Amino acid sequence: MALRREVADLTELLELIAAEFDQFAHIGGTITAEVIRKAIVIEPYGPPSDRTDHRNGWDTHIIVIQGYGVWGFASGPVPGVQRDP
């Protein structure tokens, strides 16, 4: 995996994502953690019969920011953001 970041909780995840968006401020891409909290969807990724990624052992979940697209992947659900898109 080229880039892996670990976060302690939902607040840290939201701050990390907001910081990633800051690099696009010059084109109007800034987004706050509160906006992300309302737009984030984290859901299981892959077929229900085999969601474990055998390369890294993750219970893979995809992280989507509605209106922006896929931000990344997580090893398991993140409490407080699990919902249908």
N, C-alpha and C. Protein backbone atom coordinates (compact mmCIF):
# COMPACT_ATOMS: atom_id res chain seq x y z
N MET A 1 0.84 -1.16 0.00
CA MET A 1 0.00 0.00 0.00
C MET A 1 0.90 1.24 0.00
N ALA A 2 0.68 2.13 -0.91
CA ALA A 2 1.55 3.30 -1.06
C ALA A 2 1.39 4.29 0.10
N LEU A 3 0.19 4.48 0.61
CA LEU A 3 -0.04 5.45 1.67
C LEU A 3 -1.06 4.88 2.64
N ARG A 4 -0.69 4.90 3.90
CA ARG A 4 -1.59 4.40 4.94
C ARG A 4 -1.52 5.37 6.11
N ARG A 5 -2.68 5.80 6.56
CA ARG A 5 -2.75 6.70 7.71
C ARG A 5 -3.67 6.08 8.74
N GLU A 6 -3.27 6.16 9.99
CA GLU A 6 -4.09 5.65 11.07
C GLU A 6 -4.65 6.82 11.85
N VAL A 7 -5.92 6.73 12.21
CA VAL A 7 -6.57 7.76 13.00
C VAL A 7 -7.19 7.11 14.24
N ALA A 8 -7.27 7.90 15.31
CA ALA A 8 -7.75 7.37 16.58
C ALA A 8 -9.28 7.35 16.68
N ASP A 9 -9.94 8.31 15.99
CA ASP A 9 -11.39 8.40 16.13
C ASP A 9 -11.98 9.19 14.95
N LEU A 10 -13.30 9.34 14.98
CA LEU A 10 -14.01 10.03 13.90
C LEU A 10 -13.55 11.48 13.77
N THR A 11 -13.34 12.16 14.88
CA THR A 11 -12.91 13.56 14.82
C THR A 11 -11.58 13.68 14.08
N GLU A 12 -10.65 12.80 14.38
CA GLU A 12 -9.35 12.83 13.73
C GLU A 12 -9.48 12.53 12.23
N LEU A 13 -10.36 11.60 11.88
CA LEU A 13 -10.60 11.29 10.47
C LEU A 13 -11.15 12.50 9.73
N LEU A 14 -12.13 13.18 10.33
CA LEU A 14 -12.72 14.36 9.69
C LEU A 14 -11.69 15.47 9.51
N GLU A 15 -10.84 15.67 10.51
CA GLU A 15 -9.79 16.69 10.41
C GLU A 15 -8.78 16.34 9.32
N LEU A 16 -8.45 15.06 9.21
CA LEU A 16 -7.52 14.61 8.17
C LEU A 16 -8.09 14.86 6.78
N ILE A 17 -9.35 14.52 6.58
CA ILE A 17 -9.98 14.74 5.28
C ILE A 17 -10.06 16.23 4.97
N ALA A 18 -10.44 17.05 5.95
CA ALA A 18 -10.51 18.50 5.74
C ALA A 18 -9.15 19.06 5.35
N ALA A 19 -8.09 18.56 5.99
CA ALA A 19 -6.74 19.02 5.65
C ALA A 19 -6.37 18.65 4.23
N GLU A 20 -6.80 17.49 3.77
CA GLU A 20 -6.55 17.08 2.38
C GLU A 20 -7.24 18.04 1.41
N PHE A 21 -8.45 18.48 1.75
CA PHE A 21 -9.16 19.41 0.88
C PHE A 21 -8.51 20.79 0.87
N ASP A 22 -7.80 21.17 1.94
CA ASP A 22 -7.16 22.49 2.01
C ASP A 22 -6.18 22.73 0.86
N GLN A 23 -5.57 21.69 0.33
CA GLN A 23 -4.63 21.88 -0.77
C GLN A 23 -5.31 22.39 -2.04
N PHE A 24 -6.64 22.32 -2.07
CA PHE A 24 -7.38 22.80 -3.23
C PHE A 24 -8.07 24.14 -2.97
N ALA A 25 -7.68 24.82 -1.89
CA ALA A 25 -8.31 26.09 -1.53
C ALA A 25 -8.22 27.13 -2.63
N HIS A 26 -7.13 27.10 -3.39
CA HIS A 26 -6.93 28.10 -4.45
C HIS A 26 -7.95 27.95 -5.59
N ILE A 27 -8.64 26.83 -5.65
CA ILE A 27 -9.69 26.64 -6.66
C ILE A 27 -11.06 26.44 -6.02
N GLY A 28 -11.17 26.86 -4.76
CA GLY A 28 -12.46 26.77 -4.07
C GLY A 28 -12.76 25.40 -3.51
N GLY A 29 -11.73 24.63 -3.20
CA GLY A 29 -11.95 23.26 -2.74
C GLY A 29 -11.95 23.06 -1.25
N THR A 30 -11.89 24.13 -0.46
CA THR A 30 -11.87 23.99 0.99
C THR A 30 -13.23 23.48 1.48
N ILE A 31 -13.17 22.58 2.46
CA ILE A 31 -14.38 22.00 3.03
C ILE A 31 -14.11 21.78 4.51
N THR A 32 -15.06 22.09 5.36
CA THR A 32 -14.85 21.97 6.81
C THR A 32 -15.18 20.56 7.30
N ALA A 33 -14.67 20.26 8.49
CA ALA A 33 -14.94 18.95 9.10
C ALA A 33 -16.44 18.76 9.32
N GLU A 34 -17.16 19.82 9.65
CA GLU A 34 -18.62 19.70 9.87
C GLU A 34 -19.36 19.38 8.57
N VAL A 35 -18.92 19.97 7.47
CA VAL A 35 -19.53 19.64 6.17
C VAL A 35 -19.23 18.19 5.82
N ILE A 36 -18.01 17.77 6.06
CA ILE A 36 -17.63 16.38 5.77
C ILE A 36 -18.46 15.43 6.63
N ARG A 37 -18.66 15.76 7.90
CA ARG A 37 -19.46 14.90 8.80
C ARG A 37 -20.84 14.62 8.21
N LYS A 38 -21.42 15.60 7.56
CA LYS A 38 -22.75 15.44 6.96
C LYS A 38 -22.71 14.70 5.63
N ALA A 39 -21.56 14.71 4.96
CA ALA A 39 -21.46 14.14 3.61
C ALA A 39 -20.73 12.80 3.56
N ILE A 40 -20.16 12.36 4.67
CA ILE A 40 -19.35 11.14 4.64
C ILE A 40 -20.22 9.89 4.72
N VAL A 41 -19.85 8.91 3.92
CA VAL A 41 -20.49 7.60 3.95
C VAL A 41 -19.37 6.56 4.00
N ILE A 42 -19.45 5.67 4.95
CA ILE A 42 -18.50 4.56 5.04
C ILE A 42 -19.32 3.29 5.06
N GLU A 43 -19.07 2.44 4.06
CA GLU A 43 -19.86 1.21 3.96
C GLU A 43 -18.97 0.04 3.52
N PRO A 44 -19.41 -1.18 3.82
CA PRO A 44 -18.63 -2.35 3.42
C PRO A 44 -18.35 -2.34 1.93
N TYR A 45 -17.16 -2.81 1.56
CA TYR A 45 -16.73 -2.82 0.17
C TYR A 45 -16.40 -4.25 -0.23
N GLY A 46 -17.03 -4.69 -1.29
CA GLY A 46 -16.78 -6.04 -1.78
C GLY A 46 -17.99 -6.93 -1.58
N PRO A 47 -17.92 -8.15 -2.12
CA PRO A 47 -19.06 -9.06 -2.02
C PRO A 47 -19.27 -9.51 -0.57
N PRO A 48 -20.52 -9.62 -0.14
CA PRO A 48 -20.81 -10.01 1.24
C PRO A 48 -20.17 -11.33 1.66
N SER A 49 -19.98 -12.23 0.71
CA SER A 49 -19.43 -13.54 1.05
C SER A 49 -17.93 -13.49 1.35
N ASP A 50 -17.25 -12.41 0.96
CA ASP A 50 -15.80 -12.36 1.15
C ASP A 50 -15.32 -10.92 1.20
N ARG A 51 -15.58 -10.23 2.30
CA ARG A 51 -15.20 -8.82 2.41
C ARG A 51 -13.78 -8.62 2.94
N THR A 52 -13.14 -9.67 3.39
CA THR A 52 -11.79 -9.53 3.91
C THR A 52 -10.80 -9.44 2.76
N ASP A 53 -10.00 -8.38 2.77
CA ASP A 53 -8.95 -8.22 1.77
C ASP A 53 -7.79 -9.11 2.19
N HIS A 54 -7.52 -10.12 1.42
CA HIS A 54 -6.51 -11.11 1.78
C HIS A 54 -5.09 -10.57 1.69
N ARG A 55 -4.91 -9.41 1.07
CA ARG A 55 -3.57 -8.80 1.00
C ARG A 55 -3.16 -8.18 2.32
N ASN A 56 -4.15 -7.64 3.06
CA ASN A 56 -3.80 -6.94 4.29
C ASN A 56 -4.65 -7.36 5.50
N GLY A 57 -5.62 -8.25 5.29
CA GLY A 57 -6.46 -8.74 6.38
C GLY A 57 -7.55 -7.79 6.82
N TRP A 58 -7.78 -6.73 6.05
CA TRP A 58 -8.79 -5.73 6.41
C TRP A 58 -10.21 -6.22 6.15
N ASP A 59 -11.13 -5.77 7.00
CA ASP A 59 -12.56 -5.82 6.74
C ASP A 59 -12.83 -4.52 5.98
N THR A 60 -12.58 -4.52 4.70
CA THR A 60 -12.51 -3.30 3.90
C THR A 60 -13.84 -2.55 3.80
N HIS A 61 -13.78 -1.25 4.09
CA HIS A 61 -14.90 -0.33 3.96
C HIS A 61 -14.44 0.84 3.10
N ILE A 62 -15.31 1.30 2.21
CA ILE A 62 -14.97 2.43 1.34
C ILE A 62 -15.46 3.73 1.99
N ILE A 63 -14.64 4.76 1.88
CA ILE A 63 -14.98 6.08 2.43
C ILE A 63 -15.33 6.99 1.26
N VAL A 64 -16.57 7.47 1.24
CA VAL A 64 -17.06 8.33 0.16
C VAL A 64 -17.50 9.66 0.77
N ILE A 65 -17.10 10.75 0.13
CA ILE A 65 -17.60 12.07 0.49
C ILE A 65 -18.62 12.43 -0.58
N GLN A 66 -19.90 12.41 -0.20
CA GLN A 66 -20.96 12.66 -1.18
C GLN A 66 -20.75 14.01 -1.85
N GLY A 67 -20.86 14.01 -3.17
CA GLY A 67 -20.65 15.21 -3.95
C GLY A 67 -19.21 15.38 -4.40
N TYR A 68 -18.29 14.56 -3.84
CA TYR A 68 -16.87 14.65 -4.20
C TYR A 68 -16.32 13.33 -4.73
N GLY A 69 -16.72 12.22 -4.14
CA GLY A 69 -16.25 10.92 -4.61
C GLY A 69 -15.55 10.12 -3.53
N VAL A 70 -14.82 9.11 -3.97
CA VAL A 70 -14.12 8.21 -3.04
C VAL A 70 -12.92 8.93 -2.45
N TRP A 71 -12.80 8.88 -1.13
CA TRP A 71 -11.64 9.47 -0.46
C TRP A 71 -10.61 8.40 -0.12
N GLY A 72 -11.09 7.21 0.24
CA GLY A 72 -10.15 6.15 0.61
C GLY A 72 -10.87 4.93 1.14
N PHE A 73 -10.13 4.14 1.89
CA PHE A 73 -10.65 2.90 2.43
C PHE A 73 -10.28 2.78 3.89
N ALA A 74 -11.07 2.02 4.65
CA ALA A 74 -10.82 1.80 6.07
C ALA A 74 -10.86 0.31 6.38
N SER A 75 -10.18 -0.04 7.43
CA SER A 75 -10.22 -1.41 7.92
C SER A 75 -11.35 -1.50 8.94
N GLY A 76 -12.56 -1.70 8.43
CA GLY A 76 -13.74 -1.81 9.29
C GLY A 76 -14.53 -0.52 9.32
N PRO A 77 -15.71 -0.58 9.92
CA PRO A 77 -16.57 0.61 10.00
C PRO A 77 -16.00 1.63 10.98
N VAL A 78 -16.42 2.88 10.80
CA VAL A 78 -16.05 3.95 11.72
C VAL A 78 -17.34 4.34 12.46
N PRO A 79 -17.38 4.20 13.77
CA PRO A 79 -18.61 4.51 14.52
C PRO A 79 -19.11 5.91 14.23
N GLY A 80 -20.42 6.02 14.02
CA GLY A 80 -21.05 7.32 13.83
C GLY A 80 -21.25 7.74 12.40
N VAL A 81 -20.71 6.99 11.43
CA VAL A 81 -20.87 7.39 10.02
C VAL A 81 -21.38 6.25 9.16
N GLN A 82 -21.65 5.10 9.72
CA GLN A 82 -22.13 3.96 8.93
C GLN A 82 -23.57 4.22 8.52
N ARG A 83 -23.80 4.38 7.22
CA ARG A 83 -25.17 4.55 6.71
C ARG A 83 -25.15 4.32 5.22
N ASP A 84 -26.32 4.15 4.67
CA ASP A 84 -26.44 3.95 3.23
C ASP A 84 -26.22 5.27 2.51
N PRO A 85 -25.63 5.21 1.29
CA PRO A 85 -25.42 6.45 0.52
C PRO A 85 -26.73 7.04 0.04
